[in-house]
PDB file of N, CA and C in Angstrom:
ATOM      1  N   MET A   1      12.071  36.042  30.374  1.00  0.00           N
ATOM      2  CA  MET A   1      11.387  35.938  29.104  1.00  0.00           C
ATOM      3  C   MET A   1      12.200  36.551  27.965  1.00  0.00           C
ATOM      4  N   GLU A   2      13.195  37.377  28.258  1.00  0.00           N
ATOM      5  CA  GLU A   2      13.984  37.979  27.181  1.00  0.00           C
ATOM      6  C   GLU A   2      14.703  36.925  26.353  1.00  0.00           C
ATOM      7  N   ASN A   3      15.011  35.786  26.971  1.00  0.00           N
ATOM      8  CA  ASN A   3      15.732  34.738  26.260  1.00  0.00           C
ATOM      9  C   ASN A   3      14.929  34.148  25.111  1.00  0.00           C
ATOM     10  N   PHE A   4      13.606  34.295  25.153  1.00  0.00           N
ATOM     11  CA  PHE A   4      12.759  33.724  24.122  1.00  0.00           C
ATOM     12  C   PHE A   4      12.251  34.772  23.138  1.00  0.00           C
ATOM     13  N   ALA A   5      12.788  35.962  23.163  1.00  0.00           N
ATOM     14  CA  ALA A   5      12.318  37.032  22.283  1.00  0.00           C
ATOM     15  C   ALA A   5      12.564  36.706  20.819  1.00  0.00           C
ATOM     16  N   TRP A   6      13.584  35.899  20.510  1.00  0.00           N
ATOM     17  CA  TRP A   6      13.884  35.562  19.120  1.00  0.00           C
ATOM     18  C   TRP A   6      12.881  34.595  18.526  1.00  0.00           C
ATOM     19  N   MET A   7      12.059  33.976  19.358  1.00  0.00           N
ATOM     20  CA  MET A   7      11.079  33.006  18.868  1.00  0.00           C
ATOM     21  C   MET A   7       9.789  33.702  18.455  1.00  0.00           C
ATOM     22  N   ALA A   8       9.897  34.580  17.498  1.00  0.00           N
ATOM     23  CA  ALA A   8       8.746  35.366  17.053  1.00  0.00           C
ATOM     24  C   ALA A   8       7.848  34.536  16.151  1.00  0.00           C
ATOM     25  N   TRP A   9       6.552  34.660  16.333  1.00  0.00           N
ATOM     26  CA  TRP A   9       5.595  33.998  15.464  1.00  0.00           C
ATOM     27  C   TRP A   9       5.299  34.930  14.301  1.00  0.00           C
ATOM     28  N   THR A  10       5.895  34.625  13.183  1.00  0.00           N
ATOM     29  CA  THR A  10       5.667  35.408  11.975  1.00  0.00           C
ATOM     30  C   THR A  10       4.717  34.619  11.069  1.00  0.00           C
ATOM     31  N   TRP A  11       4.241  35.261  10.005  1.00  0.00           N
ATOM     32  CA  TRP A  11       3.358  34.565   9.074  1.00  0.00           C
ATOM     33  C   TRP A  11       4.032  33.355   8.428  1.00  0.00           C
ATOM     34  N   PRO A  12       5.293  33.455   8.001  1.00  0.00           N
ATOM     35  CA  PRO A  12       5.927  32.250   7.446  1.00  0.00           C
ATOM     36  C   PRO A  12       6.029  31.108   8.453  1.00  0.00           C
ATOM     37  N   THR A  13       6.309  31.435   9.723  1.00  0.00           N
ATOM     38  CA  THR A  13       6.399  30.398  10.749  1.00  0.00           C
ATOM     39  C   THR A  13       5.033  29.764  10.987  1.00  0.00           C
ATOM     40  N   ALA A  14       4.017  30.585  11.105  1.00  0.00           N
ATOM     41  CA  ALA A  14       2.660  30.070  11.316  1.00  0.00           C
ATOM     42  C   ALA A  14       2.212  29.241  10.120  1.00  0.00           C
ATOM     43  N   THR A  15       2.518  29.699   8.913  1.00  0.00           N
ATOM     44  CA  THR A  15       2.155  28.955   7.703  1.00  0.00           C
ATOM     45  C   THR A  15       2.841  27.600   7.683  1.00  0.00           C
ATOM     46  N   PHE A  16       4.118  27.568   8.051  1.00  0.00           N
ATOM     47  CA  PHE A  16       4.858  26.309   8.091  1.00  0.00           C
ATOM     48  C   PHE A  16       4.177  25.309   9.015  1.00  0.00           C
ATOM     49  N   PHE A  17       3.843  25.729  10.231  1.00  0.00           N
ATOM     50  CA  PHE A  17       3.252  24.801  11.185  1.00  0.00           C
ATOM     51  C   PHE A  17       1.828  24.405  10.793  1.00  0.00           C
ATOM     52  N   MET A  18       1.085  25.301  10.163  1.00  0.00           N
ATOM     53  CA  MET A  18      -0.247  24.933   9.689  1.00  0.00           C
ATOM     54  C   MET A  18      -0.153  23.905   8.559  1.00  0.00           C
ATOM     55  N   LEU A  19       0.785  24.104   7.636  1.00  0.00           N
ATOM     56  CA  LEU A  19       0.964  23.148   6.552  1.00  0.00           C
ATOM     57  C   LEU A  19       1.488  21.811   7.058  1.00  0.00           C
ATOM     58  N   LEU A  20       2.354  21.836   8.051  1.00  0.00           N
ATOM     59  CA  LEU A  20       2.844  20.601   8.644  1.00  0.00           C
ATOM     60  C   LEU A  20       1.706  19.832   9.310  1.00  0.00           C
ATOM     61  N   ALA A  21       0.851  20.520  10.040  1.00  0.00           N
ATOM     62  CA  ALA A  21      -0.299  19.872  10.681  1.00  0.00           C
ATOM     63  C   ALA A  21      -1.252  19.311   9.627  1.00  0.00           C
ATOM     64  N   ALA A  22      -1.474  20.061   8.550  1.00  0.00           N
ATOM     65  CA  ALA A  22      -2.346  19.576   7.476  1.00  0.00           C
ATOM     66  C   ALA A  22      -1.741  18.344   6.804  1.00  0.00           C
ATOM     67  N   THR A  23      -0.429  18.355   6.596  1.00  0.00           N
ATOM     68  CA  THR A  23       0.249  17.208   5.991  1.00  0.00           C
ATOM     69  C   THR A  23       0.099  15.971   6.865  1.00  0.00           C
ATOM     70  N   LEU A  24       0.308  16.134   8.160  1.00  0.00           N
ATOM     71  CA  LEU A  24       0.161  14.997   9.073  1.00  0.00           C
ATOM     72  C   LEU A  24      -1.280  14.490   9.102  1.00  0.00           C
ATOM     73  N   GLY A  25      -2.230  15.408   9.031  1.00  0.00           N
ATOM     74  CA  GLY A  25      -3.641  15.014   8.987  1.00  0.00           C
ATOM     75  C   GLY A  25      -3.968  14.226   7.730  1.00  0.00           C
ATOM     76  N   VAL A  26      -3.499  14.705   6.578  1.00  0.00           N
ATOM     77  CA  VAL A  26      -3.741  14.006   5.315  1.00  0.00           C
ATOM     78  C   VAL A  26      -3.062  12.644   5.318  1.00  0.00           C
ATOM     79  N   MET A  27      -1.837  12.590   5.840  1.00  0.00           N
ATOM     80  CA  MET A  27      -1.124  11.309   5.868  1.00  0.00           C
ATOM     81  C   MET A  27      -1.789  10.321   6.819  1.00  0.00           C
ATOM     82  N   THR A  28      -2.362  10.798   7.903  1.00  0.00           N
ATOM     83  CA  THR A  28      -3.097   9.926   8.810  1.00  0.00           C
ATOM     84  C   THR A  28      -4.332   9.377   8.114  1.00  0.00           C
ATOM     85  N   TRP A  29      -5.047  10.249   7.406  1.00  0.00           N
ATOM     86  CA  TRP A  29      -6.222   9.814   6.658  1.00  0.00           C
ATOM     87  C   TRP A  29      -5.823   8.807   5.572  1.00  0.00           C
ATOM     88  N   LEU A  30      -4.754   9.081   4.838  1.00  0.00           N
ATOM     89  CA  LEU A  30      -4.289   8.162   3.798  1.00  0.00           C
ATOM     90  C   LEU A  30      -3.913   6.803   4.392  1.00  0.00           C
ATOM     91  N   GLY A  31      -3.259   6.822   5.553  1.00  0.00           N
ATOM     92  CA  GLY A  31      -2.874   5.576   6.197  1.00  0.00           C
ATOM     93  C   GLY A  31      -4.075   4.733   6.594  1.00  0.00           C
ATOM     94  N   ALA A  32      -5.167   5.384   7.008  1.00  0.00           N
ATOM     95  CA  ALA A  32      -6.372   4.653   7.392  1.00  0.00           C
ATOM     96  C   ALA A  32      -7.185   4.236   6.170  1.00  0.00           C
ATOM     97  N   ALA A  33      -7.300   5.119   5.193  1.00  0.00           N
ATOM     98  CA  ALA A  33      -8.124   4.837   4.013  1.00  0.00           C
ATOM     99  C   ALA A  33      -7.432   3.914   3.018  1.00  0.00           C
ATOM    100  N   TYR A  34      -6.141   4.078   2.843  1.00  0.00           N
ATOM    101  CA  TYR A  34      -5.380   3.295   1.871  1.00  0.00           C
ATOM    102  C   TYR A  34      -4.114   2.736   2.521  1.00  0.00           C
ATOM    103  N   PRO A  35      -4.255   1.649   3.275  1.00  0.00           N
ATOM    104  CA  PRO A  35      -3.056   1.071   3.892  1.00  0.00           C
ATOM    105  C   PRO A  35      -2.041   0.701   2.815  1.00  0.00           C
ATOM    106  N   GLU A  36      -0.791   0.887   3.127  1.00  0.00           N
ATOM    107  CA  GLU A  36       0.244   0.622   2.128  1.00  0.00           C
ATOM    108  C   GLU A  36       1.242  -0.387   2.638  1.00  0.00           C
ATOM    109  N   ALA A  37       1.858  -1.056   1.691  1.00  0.00           N
ATOM    110  CA  ALA A  37       2.981  -1.934   2.016  1.00  0.00           C
ATOM    111  C   ALA A  37       4.251  -1.122   1.814  1.00  0.00           C
ATOM    112  N   GLU A  38       5.281  -1.495   2.511  1.00  0.00           N
ATOM    113  CA  GLU A  38       6.551  -0.796   2.321  1.00  0.00           C
ATOM    114  C   GLU A  38       6.997  -0.981   0.875  1.00  0.00           C
ATOM    115  N   ARG A  39       7.657   0.041   0.331  1.00  0.00           N
ATOM    116  CA  ARG A  39       8.170  -0.077  -1.029  1.00  0.00           C
ATOM    117  C   ARG A  39       9.653   0.247  -1.033  1.00  0.00           C
ATOM    118  N   ILE A  40      10.333  -0.261  -2.035  1.00  0.00           N
ATOM    119  CA  ILE A  40      11.773  -0.056  -2.155  1.00  0.00           C
ATOM    120  C   ILE A  40      12.023   0.875  -3.329  1.00  0.00           C
ATOM    121  N   GLY A  41      12.654   2.007  -3.051  1.00  0.00           N
ATOM    122  CA  GLY A  41      12.945   2.992  -4.085  1.00  0.00           C
ATOM    123  C   GLY A  41      14.430   3.065  -4.364  1.00  0.00           C
ATOM    124  N   VAL A  42      14.905   4.263  -4.676  1.00  0.00           N
ATOM    125  CA  VAL A  42      16.309   4.451  -5.052  1.00  0.00           C
ATOM    126  C   VAL A  42      17.266   4.229  -3.885  1.00  0.00           C
ATOM    127  N   LEU A  43      16.788   4.324  -2.664  1.00  0.00           N
ATOM    128  CA  LEU A  43      17.660   4.084  -1.514  1.00  0.00           C
ATOM    129  C   LEU A  43      17.886   2.595  -1.260  1.00  0.00           C
ATOM    130  N   ARG A  44      17.095   1.760  -1.911  1.00  0.00           N
ATOM    131  CA  ARG A  44      17.183   0.305  -1.780  1.00  0.00           C
ATOM    132  C   ARG A  44      16.913  -0.183  -0.356  1.00  0.00           C
ATOM    133  N   ILE A  45      16.084   0.580   0.364  1.00  0.00           N
ATOM    134  CA  ILE A  45      15.612   0.139   1.674  1.00  0.00           C
ATOM    135  C   ILE A  45      14.094   0.300   1.683  1.00  0.00           C
ATOM    136  N   PRO A  46      13.379  -0.553   2.410  1.00  0.00           N
ATOM    137  CA  PRO A  46      11.917  -0.410   2.460  1.00  0.00           C
ATOM    138  C   PRO A  46      11.525   0.874   3.199  1.00  0.00           C
ATOM    139  N   THR A  47      10.646   1.672   2.593  1.00  0.00           N
ATOM    140  CA  THR A  47      10.179   2.911   3.220  1.00  0.00           C
ATOM    141  C   THR A  47       8.657   2.990   3.161  1.00  0.00           C
ATOM    142  N   THR A  48       8.093   3.732   4.118  1.00  0.00           N
ATOM    143  CA  THR A  48       6.657   4.005   4.143  1.00  0.00           C
ATOM    144  C   THR A  48       6.448   5.490   3.887  1.00  0.00           C
ATOM    145  N   ARG A  49       5.186   5.914   3.860  1.00  0.00           N
ATOM    146  CA  ARG A  49       4.889   7.344   3.688  1.00  0.00           C
ATOM    147  C   ARG A  49       5.540   8.177   4.790  1.00  0.00           C
ATOM    148  N   GLY A  50       5.466   7.680   6.013  1.00  0.00           N
ATOM    149  CA  GLY A  50       6.052   8.405   7.143  1.00  0.00           C
ATOM    150  C   GLY A  50       7.560   8.555   7.013  1.00  0.00           C
ATOM    151  N   ASP A  51       8.219   7.512   6.531  1.00  0.00           N
ATOM    152  CA  ASP A  51       9.665   7.593   6.311  1.00  0.00           C
ATOM    153  C   ASP A  51      10.001   8.655   5.273  1.00  0.00           C
ATOM    154  N   ARG A  52       9.223   8.664   4.196  1.00  0.00           N
ATOM    155  CA  ARG A  52       9.472   9.642   3.129  1.00  0.00           C
ATOM    156  C   ARG A  52       9.183  11.069   3.604  1.00  0.00           C
ATOM    157  N   LEU A  53       8.157  11.233   4.457  1.00  0.00           N
ATOM    158  CA  LEU A  53       7.890  12.554   5.027  1.00  0.00           C
ATOM    159  C   LEU A  53       9.061  13.007   5.894  1.00  0.00           C
ATOM    160  N   PHE A  54       9.561  12.114   6.731  1.00  0.00           N
ATOM    161  CA  PHE A  54      10.691  12.450   7.598  1.00  0.00           C
ATOM    162  C   PHE A  54      11.913  12.836   6.765  1.00  0.00           C
ATOM    163  N   ILE A  55      12.216  12.056   5.736  1.00  0.00           N
ATOM    164  CA  ILE A  55      13.363  12.364   4.876  1.00  0.00           C
ATOM    165  C   ILE A  55      13.171  13.716   4.207  1.00  0.00           C
ATOM    166  N   SER A  56      11.971  14.000   3.722  1.00  0.00           N
ATOM    167  CA  SER A  56      11.739  15.279   3.048  1.00  0.00           C
ATOM    168  C   SER A  56      11.834  16.458   4.016  1.00  0.00           C
ATOM    169  N   LEU A  57      11.424  16.286   5.275  1.00  0.00           N
ATOM    170  CA  LEU A  57      11.549  17.361   6.261  1.00  0.00           C
ATOM    171  C   LEU A  57      13.018  17.630   6.604  1.00  0.00           C
ATOM    172  N   ILE A  58      13.813  16.567   6.710  1.00  0.00           N
ATOM    173  CA  ILE A  58      15.248  16.745   6.975  1.00  0.00           C
ATOM    174  C   ILE A  58      15.908  17.459   5.794  1.00  0.00           C
ATOM    175  N   VAL A  59      15.567  17.041   4.568  1.00  0.00           N
ATOM    176  CA  VAL A  59      16.127  17.689   3.376  1.00  0.00           C
ATOM    177  C   VAL A  59      15.711  19.160   3.318  1.00  0.00           C
ATOM    178  N   ALA A  60      14.453  19.461   3.667  1.00  0.00           N
ATOM    179  CA  ALA A  60      13.988  20.853   3.672  1.00  0.00           C
ATOM    180  C   ALA A  60      14.768  21.688   4.690  1.00  0.00           C
ATOM    181  N   ALA A  61      15.031  21.118   5.863  1.00  0.00           N
ATOM    182  CA  ALA A  61      15.807  21.842   6.883  1.00  0.00           C
ATOM    183  C   ALA A  61      17.218  22.126   6.380  1.00  0.00           C
ATOM    184  N   VAL A  62      17.833  21.142   5.743  1.00  0.00           N
ATOM    185  CA  VAL A  62      19.194  21.337   5.217  1.00  0.00           C
ATOM    186  C   VAL A  62      19.193  22.390   4.110  1.00  0.00           C
ATOM    187  N   ILE A  63      18.224  22.333   3.211  1.00  0.00           N
ATOM    188  CA  ILE A  63      18.136  23.327   2.135  1.00  0.00           C
ATOM    189  C   ILE A  63      18.006  24.730   2.718  1.00  0.00           C
ATOM    190  N   HIS A  64      17.134  24.898   3.707  1.00  0.00           N
ATOM    191  CA  HIS A  64      16.931  26.226   4.296  1.00  0.00           C
ATOM    192  C   HIS A  64      18.180  26.721   5.027  1.00  0.00           C
ATOM    193  N   LEU A  65      18.842  25.838   5.768  1.00  0.00           N
ATOM    194  CA  LEU A  65      20.058  26.259   6.471  1.00  0.00           C
ATOM    195  C   LEU A  65      21.171  26.635   5.493  1.00  0.00           C
ATOM    196  N   LEU A  66      21.334  25.839   4.442  1.00  0.00           N
ATOM    197  CA  LEU A  66      22.329  26.181   3.427  1.00  0.00           C
ATOM    198  C   LEU A  66      21.978  27.488   2.728  1.00  0.00           C
ATOM    199  N   TRP A  67      20.700  27.694   2.444  1.00  0.00           N
ATOM    200  CA  TRP A  67      20.257  28.926   1.781  1.00  0.00           C
ATOM    201  C   TRP A  67      20.583  30.134   2.652  1.00  0.00           C
ATOM    202  N   ILE A  68      20.268  30.045   3.936  1.00  0.00           N
ATOM    203  CA  ILE A  68      20.548  31.167   4.842  1.00  0.00           C
ATOM    204  C   ILE A  68      22.044  31.411   4.917  1.00  0.00           C
ATOM    205  N   GLY A  69      22.849  30.343   4.967  1.00  0.00           N
ATOM    206  CA  GLY A  69      24.296  30.490   5.066  1.00  0.00           C
ATOM    207  C   GLY A  69      24.937  31.038   3.800  1.00  0.00           C
ATOM    208  N   VAL A  70      24.428  30.655   2.642  1.00  0.00           N
ATOM    209  CA  VAL A  70      25.057  31.050   1.378  1.00  0.00           C
ATOM    210  C   VAL A  70      24.408  32.291   0.781  1.00  0.00           C
ATOM    211  N   VAL A  71      23.082  32.298   0.675  1.00  0.00           N
ATOM    212  CA  VAL A  71      22.376  33.393  -0.011  1.00  0.00           C
ATOM    213  C   VAL A  71      21.923  34.467   0.969  1.00  0.00           C
ATOM    214  N   GLY A  72      21.431  34.071   2.122  1.00  0.00           N
ATOM    215  CA  GLY A  72      20.901  35.027   3.088  1.00  0.00           C
ATOM    216  C   GLY A  72      19.395  35.163   2.944  1.00  0.00           C
ATOM    217  N   THR A  73      18.839  36.116   3.638  1.00  0.00           N
ATOM    218  CA  THR A  73      17.383  36.316   3.627  1.00  0.00           C
ATOM    219  C   THR A  73      17.002  37.696   3.118  1.00  0.00           C
ATOM    220  N   ASN A  74      17.818  38.275   2.271  1.00  0.00           N
ATOM    221  CA  ASN A  74      17.526  39.603   1.742  1.00  0.00           C
ATOM    222  C   ASN A  74      16.211  39.606   0.976  1.00  0.00           C
ATOM    223  N   PRO A  75      15.481  40.734   1.031  1.00  0.00           N
ATOM    224  CA  PRO A  75      14.218  40.793   0.295  1.00  0.00           C
ATOM    225  C   PRO A  75      14.457  40.777  -1.218  1.00  0.00           C
ATOM    226  N   ILE A  76      13.572  40.082  -1.929  1.00  0.00           N
ATOM    227  CA  ILE A  76      13.678  40.032  -3.386  1.00  0.00           C
ATOM    228  C   ILE A  76      12.514  40.737  -4.059  1.00  0.00           C
ATOM    229  N   LEU A  77      11.495  41.093  -3.272  1.00  0.00           N
ATOM    230  CA  LEU A  77      10.287  41.666  -3.841  1.00  0.00           C
ATOM    231  C   LEU A  77       9.568  42.454  -2.761  1.00  0.00           C
ATOM    232  N   THR A  78       8.927  43.536  -3.146  1.00  0.00           N
ATOM    233  CA  THR A  78       8.110  44.299  -2.211  1.00  0.00           C
ATOM    234  C   THR A  78       6.679  44.321  -2.734  1.00  0.00           C
ATOM    235  N   LEU A  79       5.762  43.767  -1.944  1.00  0.00           N
ATOM    236  CA  LEU A  79       4.359  43.728  -2.346  1.00  0.00           C
ATOM    237  C   LEU A  79       3.671  45.032  -1.958  1.00  0.00           C
ATOM    238  N   PRO A  80       2.748  45.494  -2.781  1.00  0.00           N
ATOM    239  CA  PRO A  80       2.058  46.758  -2.481  1.00  0.00           C
ATOM    240  C   PRO A  80       0.933  46.584  -1.456  1.00  0.00           C
ATOM    241  N   ILE A  81       1.283  46.093  -0.283  1.00  0.00           N
ATOM    242  CA  ILE A  81       0.324  45.919   0.804  1.00  0.00           C
ATOM    243  C   ILE A  81       0.763  46.819   1.953  1.00  0.00           C
ATOM    244  N   ASP A  82      -0.172  47.586   2.496  1.00  0.00           N
ATOM    245  CA  ASP A  82       0.125  48.558   3.550  1.00  0.00           C
ATOM    246  C   ASP A  82       1.276  49.460   3.099  1.00  0.00           C
ATOM    247  N   GLU A  83       2.377  49.421   3.833  1.00  0.00           N
ATOM    248  CA  GLU A  83       3.522  50.263   3.479  1.00  0.00           C
ATOM    249  C   GLU A  83       4.546  49.477   2.667  1.00  0.00           C
ATOM    250  N   GLY A  84       4.148  48.382   2.097  1.00  0.00           N
ATOM    251  CA  GLY A  84       5.049  47.561   1.296  1.00  0.00           C
ATOM    252  C   GLY A  84       5.570  46.386   2.092  1.00  0.00           C
ATOM    253  N   VAL A  85       5.096  45.207   1.803  1.00  0.00           N
ATOM    254  CA  VAL A  85       5.537  43.997   2.484  1.00  0.00           C
ATOM    255  C   VAL A  85       6.674  43.390   1.679  1.00  0.00           C
ATOM    256  N   GLU A  86       7.810  43.192   2.317  1.00  0.00           N
ATOM    257  CA  GLU A  86       8.968  42.634   1.628  1.00  0.00           C
ATOM    258  C   GLU A  86       8.916  41.113   1.664  1.00  0.00           C
ATOM    259  N   VAL A  87       9.225  40.498   0.531  1.00  0.00           N
ATOM    260  CA  VAL A  87       9.251  39.040   0.420  1.00  0.00           C
ATOM    261  C   VAL A  87      10.702  38.588   0.474  1.00  0.00           C
ATOM    262  N   SER A  88      11.006  37.717   1.418  1.00  0.00           N
ATOM    263  CA  SER A  88      12.367  37.241   1.606  1.00  0.00           C
ATOM    264  C   SER A  88      12.755  36.248   0.516  1.00  0.00           C
ATOM    265  N   SER A  89      14.040  36.176   0.245  1.00  0.00           N
ATOM    266  CA  SER A  89      14.531  35.191  -0.719  1.00  0.00           C
ATOM    267  C   SER A  89      14.396  33.777  -0.181  1.00  0.00           C
ATOM    268  N   LEU A  90      14.106  33.652   1.101  1.00  0.00           N
ATOM    269  CA  LEU A  90      13.936  32.340   1.717  1.00  0.00           C
ATOM    270  C   LEU A  90      12.728  31.601   1.146  1.00  0.00           C
ATOM    271  N   TRP A  91      11.780  32.332   0.564  1.00  0.00           N
ATOM    272  CA  TRP A  91      10.636  31.682  -0.076  1.00  0.00           C
ATOM    273  C   TRP A  91      11.084  30.852  -1.272  1.00  0.00           C
ATOM    274  N   LEU A  92      12.171  31.248  -1.930  1.00  0.00           N
ATOM    275  CA  LEU A  92      12.700  30.433  -3.028  1.00  0.00           C
ATOM    276  C   LEU A  92      13.217  29.100  -2.498  1.00  0.00           C
ATOM    277  N   ALA A  93      13.839  29.116  -1.334  1.00  0.00           N
ATOM    278  CA  ALA A  93      14.287  27.870  -0.706  1.00  0.00           C
ATOM    279  C   ALA A  93      13.092  26.994  -0.361  1.00  0.00           C
ATOM    280  N   THR A  94      11.985  27.613   0.019  1.00  0.00           N
ATOM    281  CA  THR A  94      10.779  26.852   0.325  1.00  0.00           C
ATOM    282  C   THR A  94      10.239  26.167  -0.920  1.00  0.00           C
ATOM    283  N   VAL A  95      10.243  26.876  -2.039  1.00  0.00           N
ATOM    284  CA  VAL A  95       9.790  26.281  -3.299  1.00  0.00           C
ATOM    285  C   VAL A  95      10.695  25.106  -3.682  1.00  0.00           C
ATOM    286  N   ILE A  96      12.005  25.284  -3.545  1.00  0.00           N
ATOM    287  CA  ILE A  96      12.948  24.203  -3.836  1.00  0.00           C
ATOM    288  C   ILE A  96      12.692  23.018  -2.909  1.00  0.00           C
ATOM    289  N   SER A  97      12.393  23.286  -1.640  1.00  0.00           N
ATOM    290  CA  SER A  97      12.116  22.220  -0.682  1.00  0.00           C
ATOM    291  C   SER A  97      10.849  21.457  -1.056  1.00  0.00           C
ATOM    292  N   LEU A  98       9.823  22.163  -1.501  1.00  0.00           N
ATOM    293  CA  LEU A  98       8.587  21.497  -1.913  1.00  0.00           C
ATOM    294  C   LEU A  98       8.812  20.626  -3.142  1.00  0.00           C
ATOM    295  N   LEU A  99       9.606  21.114  -4.078  1.00  0.00           N
ATOM    296  CA  LEU A  99       9.927  20.312  -5.261  1.00  0.00           C
ATOM    297  C   LEU A  99      10.723  19.072  -4.875  1.00  0.00           C
ATOM    298  N   SER A 100      11.690  19.229  -3.957  1.00  0.00           N
ATOM    299  CA  SER A 100      12.472  18.077  -3.519  1.00  0.00           C
ATOM    300  C   SER A 100      11.599  17.080  -2.775  1.00  0.00           C
ATOM    301  N   ALA A 101      10.612  17.561  -2.006  1.00  0.00           N
ATOM    302  CA  ALA A 101       9.695  16.647  -1.308  1.00  0.00           C
ATOM    303  C   ALA A 101       8.896  15.837  -2.321  1.00  0.00           C
ATOM    304  N   GLY A 102       8.454  16.474  -3.392  1.00  0.00           N
ATOM    305  CA  GLY A 102       7.748  15.740  -4.441  1.00  0.00           C
ATOM    306  C   GLY A 102       8.606  14.649  -5.053  1.00  0.00           C
ATOM    307  N   VAL A 103       9.866  14.966  -5.306  1.00  0.00           N
ATOM    308  CA  VAL A 103      10.790  13.971  -5.862  1.00  0.00           C
ATOM    309  C   VAL A 103      11.002  12.838  -4.869  1.00  0.00           C
ATOM    310  N   ILE A 104      11.162  13.170  -3.608  1.00  0.00           N
ATOM    311  CA  ILE A 104      11.387  12.141  -2.575  1.00  0.00           C
ATOM    312  C   ILE A 104      10.195  11.213  -2.476  1.00  0.00           C
ATOM    313  N   PHE A 105       8.980  11.778  -2.478  1.00  0.00           N
ATOM    314  CA  PHE A 105       7.798  10.935  -2.352  1.00  0.00           C
ATOM    315  C   PHE A 105       7.585  10.039  -3.569  1.00  0.00           C
ATOM    316  N   ARG A 106       8.073  10.462  -4.737  1.00  0.00           N
ATOM    317  CA  ARG A 106       7.918   9.644  -5.940  1.00  0.00           C
ATOM    318  C   ARG A 106       9.008   8.590  -6.101  1.00  0.00           C
ATOM    319  N   THR A 107      10.219   8.857  -5.611  1.00  0.00           N
ATOM    320  CA  THR A 107      11.338   7.973  -5.936  1.00  0.00           C
ATOM    321  C   THR A 107      11.934   7.199  -4.772  1.00  0.00           C
ATOM    322  N   VAL A 108      11.737   7.654  -3.553  1.00  0.00           N
ATOM    323  CA  VAL A 108      12.391   6.987  -2.405  1.00  0.00           C
ATOM    324  C   VAL A 108      11.496   5.899  -1.869  1.00  0.00           C
TER     325      VAL A 108
END
């Protein structure tokens, strides 16, 4: 079991998976309530909601990996909770990823 010690369930990890599950749930509901035809965006290939979600998840992974490699995960803020909860700079990469997902869903 020592080999899996690095797979810690932290609040950011749990939040990510909860938001991913909620996104898939909403997209399933949208697919049933409002069926869509494929559309052609800036990539000039037909895409569906699922395609755009997949592209945005890949882009988010690349943004986070580049952020960790270039900027790191140093704390940028300490919240006055308990003994001070430090906020990682990785949350900025998350905000950038959410903005890029919005752009992808509107233009691709």
